[in-house]
Amino acid sequence: MKSYIFATDNDRGGVILCDIETLEEAVDYLQQRFKGVIRVEQGRRYWAQSEGFAELEPLAPDAGRSG
């Protein structure tokens, strides 16, 4: 099972736990099930209506530390 976080254009959304294996399949499913899906995330990979599919870069080991 995998979990996907999603958001809609009316500031709704949530988390879905399902047997869908790929982000691409999850986007298709969520767009059919919920109106106005604009973003779906799974780990560092995501799909956004304005950007398409992408992946977030990992943070540098010292990022966020104040010296």
Protein backbone atom coordinates (compact mmCIF):
# COMPACT_ATOMS: atom_id res chain seq x y z
CA MET A 1 0.00 0.00 0.00
CA LYS A 2 1.08 3.54 -0.71
CA SER A 3 -0.19 6.88 0.49
CA TYR A 4 -0.70 9.95 -1.66
CA ILE A 5 -1.32 13.50 -0.48
CA PHE A 6 -3.55 15.58 -2.72
CA ALA A 7 -4.98 19.10 -2.90
CA THR A 8 -7.85 20.62 -4.83
CA ASP A 9 -8.53 24.06 -6.24
CA ASN A 10 -10.98 24.83 -3.42
CA ASP A 11 -8.37 24.24 -0.67
CA ARG A 12 -9.60 20.73 0.12
CA GLY A 13 -7.78 17.47 -0.21
CA GLY A 14 -6.32 14.84 2.01
CA VAL A 15 -4.41 11.61 2.11
CA ILE A 16 -5.44 8.43 0.34
CA LEU A 17 -4.03 5.01 1.21
CA CYS A 18 -4.44 2.58 -1.67
CA ASP A 19 -2.96 -0.19 -3.82
CA ILE A 20 -2.09 2.19 -6.67
CA GLU A 21 1.60 1.69 -7.41
CA THR A 22 2.61 4.77 -9.45
CA LEU A 23 2.15 8.49 -9.03
CA GLU A 24 0.87 8.72 -12.60
CA GLU A 25 -1.90 6.22 -11.89
CA ALA A 26 -2.74 7.99 -8.62
CA VAL A 27 -3.13 11.34 -10.43
CA ASP A 28 -5.52 9.76 -12.95
CA TYR A 29 -7.54 8.07 -10.22
CA LEU A 30 -7.77 11.14 -7.98
CA GLN A 31 -8.78 13.40 -10.88
CA GLN A 32 -11.62 11.00 -11.68
CA ARG A 33 -12.70 10.65 -8.05
CA PHE A 34 -12.44 14.28 -6.86
CA LYS A 35 -13.23 17.53 -8.64
CA GLY A 36 -10.45 20.10 -9.12
CA VAL A 37 -7.34 18.10 -8.14
CA ILE A 38 -4.34 20.40 -8.64
CA ARG A 39 -1.52 18.59 -6.78
CA VAL A 40 -0.62 15.03 -5.79
CA GLU A 41 2.48 14.06 -3.79
CA GLN A 42 4.18 10.79 -2.92
CA GLY A 43 7.52 11.06 -1.18
CA ARG A 44 9.69 13.57 -3.06
CA ARG A 45 7.80 13.01 -6.34
CA TYR A 46 4.80 15.14 -7.16
CA TRP A 47 2.46 16.26 -9.89
CA ALA A 48 1.16 19.82 -10.04
CA GLN A 49 -1.36 21.11 -12.54
CA SER A 50 0.87 24.07 -13.39
CA GLU A 51 4.17 22.11 -13.53
CA GLY A 52 3.44 18.51 -14.46
CA PHE A 53 5.49 15.72 -12.91
CA ALA A 54 8.64 16.61 -10.96
CA GLU A 55 10.78 15.62 -8.00
CA LEU A 56 11.95 17.72 -5.08
CA GLU A 57 15.69 17.87 -4.51
CA PRO A 58 16.88 16.44 -1.19
CA LEU A 59 17.96 19.04 1.34
CA ALA A 60 21.67 19.53 1.88
CA PRO A 61 22.84 17.92 5.13
CA ASP A 62 23.47 21.33 6.73
CA ALA A 63 20.30 23.02 5.42
CA GLY A 64 18.13 24.54 8.10
CA ARG A 65 20.88 24.65 10.69
CA SER A 66 21.80 27.95 12.24
CA GLY A 67 25.38 28.35 13.25
